[in-house]
Protein backbone atom coordinates (compact mmCIF):
# COMPACT_ATOMS: atom_id res chain seq x y z
CA UNK A 1 -10.81 42.70 60.36
CA UNK A 2 -11.21 39.51 58.58
CA UNK A 3 -9.55 40.88 55.40
CA UNK A 4 -6.40 42.06 57.43
CA UNK A 5 -6.02 38.50 58.94
CA UNK A 6 -6.55 36.94 55.38
CA UNK A 7 -3.99 39.14 53.80
CA UNK A 8 -1.38 38.63 56.64
CA UNK A 9 -1.70 34.84 56.27
CA UNK A 10 -1.53 35.15 52.46
CA UNK A 11 1.65 37.34 52.87
CA UNK A 12 3.18 34.82 55.25
CA UNK A 13 2.63 31.95 52.69
CA UNK A 14 3.98 33.96 49.76
CA UNK A 15 6.89 35.10 51.73
CA UNK A 16 7.82 31.59 52.78
CA UNK A 17 7.42 30.39 49.27
CA UNK A 18 9.64 32.96 47.82
CA UNK A 19 12.32 32.31 50.51
CA UNK A 20 12.13 28.53 49.64
CA UNK A 21 12.59 29.20 46.07
CA UNK A 22 15.39 31.58 46.57
CA UNK A 23 17.18 28.87 48.79
CA UNK A 24 16.71 26.29 46.04
CA UNK A 25 18.26 28.64 43.48
CA UNK A 26 21.24 29.34 45.74
CA UNK A 27 21.72 25.57 46.41
CA UNK A 28 21.49 24.67 42.72
CA UNK A 29 24.16 27.40 41.85
CA UNK A 30 26.50 26.21 44.64
CA UNK A 31 26.36 22.51 43.61
CA UNK A 32 26.10 19.33 45.53
CA UNK A 33 27.43 19.61 49.08
CA UNK A 34 29.57 17.10 50.98
CA UNK A 35 26.52 15.26 52.42
CA UNK A 36 24.89 14.98 49.02
CA UNK A 37 23.91 11.51 47.65
CA UNK A 38 24.82 12.60 44.07
CA UNK A 39 28.11 11.14 42.94
CA UNK A 40 30.85 13.61 42.01
CA UNK A 41 31.91 11.48 39.07
CA UNK A 42 30.28 9.06 36.73
CA UNK A 43 29.70 5.43 38.04
CA UNK A 44 30.52 2.43 35.76
CA UNK A 45 27.17 0.55 35.43
CA UNK A 46 26.63 -3.22 34.19
CA UNK A 47 23.75 -4.64 32.32
CA UNK A 48 21.46 -7.27 33.85
CA UNK A 49 21.70 -10.28 31.40
CA UNK A 50 18.02 -11.22 31.85
CA UNK A 51 16.08 -8.03 31.52
CA UNK A 52 18.75 -5.74 30.21
CA UNK A 53 18.39 -3.05 32.94
CA UNK A 54 21.53 -1.18 33.81
CA UNK A 55 22.55 -1.34 37.50
CA UNK A 56 25.33 -0.09 39.62
CA UNK A 57 27.52 -2.99 40.73
CA UNK A 58 27.58 -1.94 44.48
CA UNK A 59 23.85 -2.02 44.62
CA UNK A 60 23.34 -5.01 42.36
CA UNK A 61 22.83 -8.65 43.25
CA UNK A 62 26.00 -10.47 42.14
CA UNK A 63 26.55 -14.07 40.89
CA UNK A 64 29.79 -15.64 40.01
CA UNK A 65 29.88 -17.78 36.96
CA UNK A 66 33.18 -19.16 36.26
CA UNK A 67 35.61 -16.29 36.38
CA UNK A 68 32.96 -13.69 35.46
CA UNK A 69 30.76 -11.57 37.82
CA UNK A 70 27.17 -11.26 36.54
CA UNK A 71 25.09 -8.44 38.12
CA UNK A 72 21.30 -8.59 38.41
CA UNK A 73 18.81 -5.91 39.35
CA UNK A 74 16.60 -8.27 41.43
CA UNK A 75 16.57 -11.68 42.94
CA UNK A 76 13.83 -12.53 40.39
CA UNK A 77 16.14 -11.99 37.44
CA UNK A 78 18.98 -13.83 39.24
CA UNK A 79 16.55 -16.93 39.76
CA UNK A 80 15.45 -16.67 36.13
CA UNK A 81 19.07 -16.74 35.01
CA UNK A 82 19.78 -19.79 37.33
CA UNK A 83 16.78 -21.67 36.12
CA UNK A 84 18.09 -21.57 32.38
CA UNK A 85 19.45 -24.83 31.13
CA UNK A 86 22.60 -23.23 29.81
CA UNK A 87 23.02 -20.61 32.67
CA UNK A 88 26.77 -21.25 33.14
CA UNK A 89 27.81 -21.80 29.51
CA UNK A 90 26.37 -19.06 27.59
CA UNK A 91 28.35 -15.72 27.18
CA UNK A 92 26.72 -12.35 27.97
CA UNK A 93 27.74 -9.73 25.38
CA UNK A 94 27.84 -5.93 26.09
CA UNK A 95 27.57 -6.18 29.87
CA UNK A 96 29.01 -2.70 30.71
CA UNK A 97 27.57 0.69 30.19
């Protein structure tokens, strides 16, 4: 009797795993849906002038220096940039990805 219950539970778990795997395969073949967080096209990224990390401008911390916008990955990088003696005078090269 115990073997029958054990095999029934085992069959249930294997069946659910197979259905989950098949659903993932179908979703992968279909592509991202309308509610997906994956962008449909590439996003222009900018480089943090302090640590060099590339960030998405919409999610970055921005700082206006003269006419330029600088983008930072964190408030710590922004504060480090502000604490530099020549923070507003130096040019940052290669800021876009």
